[in-house]
Amino acid sequence: MQQATLALDKASADGKVTYQEIKSIAEDLKGSKLSLKEKIALKLFGKKIAEKATSAPMGGKSQVIALILVLLVGGLGIHRFYLGYTWQGIVQLLTFGGCGIWAIIDLIRIITGDLKPKDGEYETTL
């Protein structure tokens, strides 16, 4: 149990956990070697955790910046790129924001908080 605690403390201190550390912790807690089924589950679980950690946004999006972008260059769809909607940004860029109609709709949606970043919520709101 002490080995698992030390490994967990080390992993949380540097922010990275390797498969071997997770396996060591699991085996220490179980008190015996892991079965093949448990090793596979642990490997998949570790990959999911790593994906979540790497996909977590480093800095959130600001509703104020999105509003400024839609006001200044809304017809070009730059605010959509900022919010993470790349495909919609390309379409708006090619159609000049649907001749300005999409820009007006997006302006209203950003002000009301209906148009949010693709990866979640705004870090800073109006």
Foldseek 3Di string as FASTA:
>chain_A
DVLLVVLVVVCVVVVHDDLVNVLVNVCVVVVHHDDPVVSVVSVVVVVVVVVCVVPDDPAFAALVVLLVCLVPQVQQQVSCVSLPNVVVNNVSNVCSCVVCPNSVVVNVCSLVLNDARPVDHGPHYD
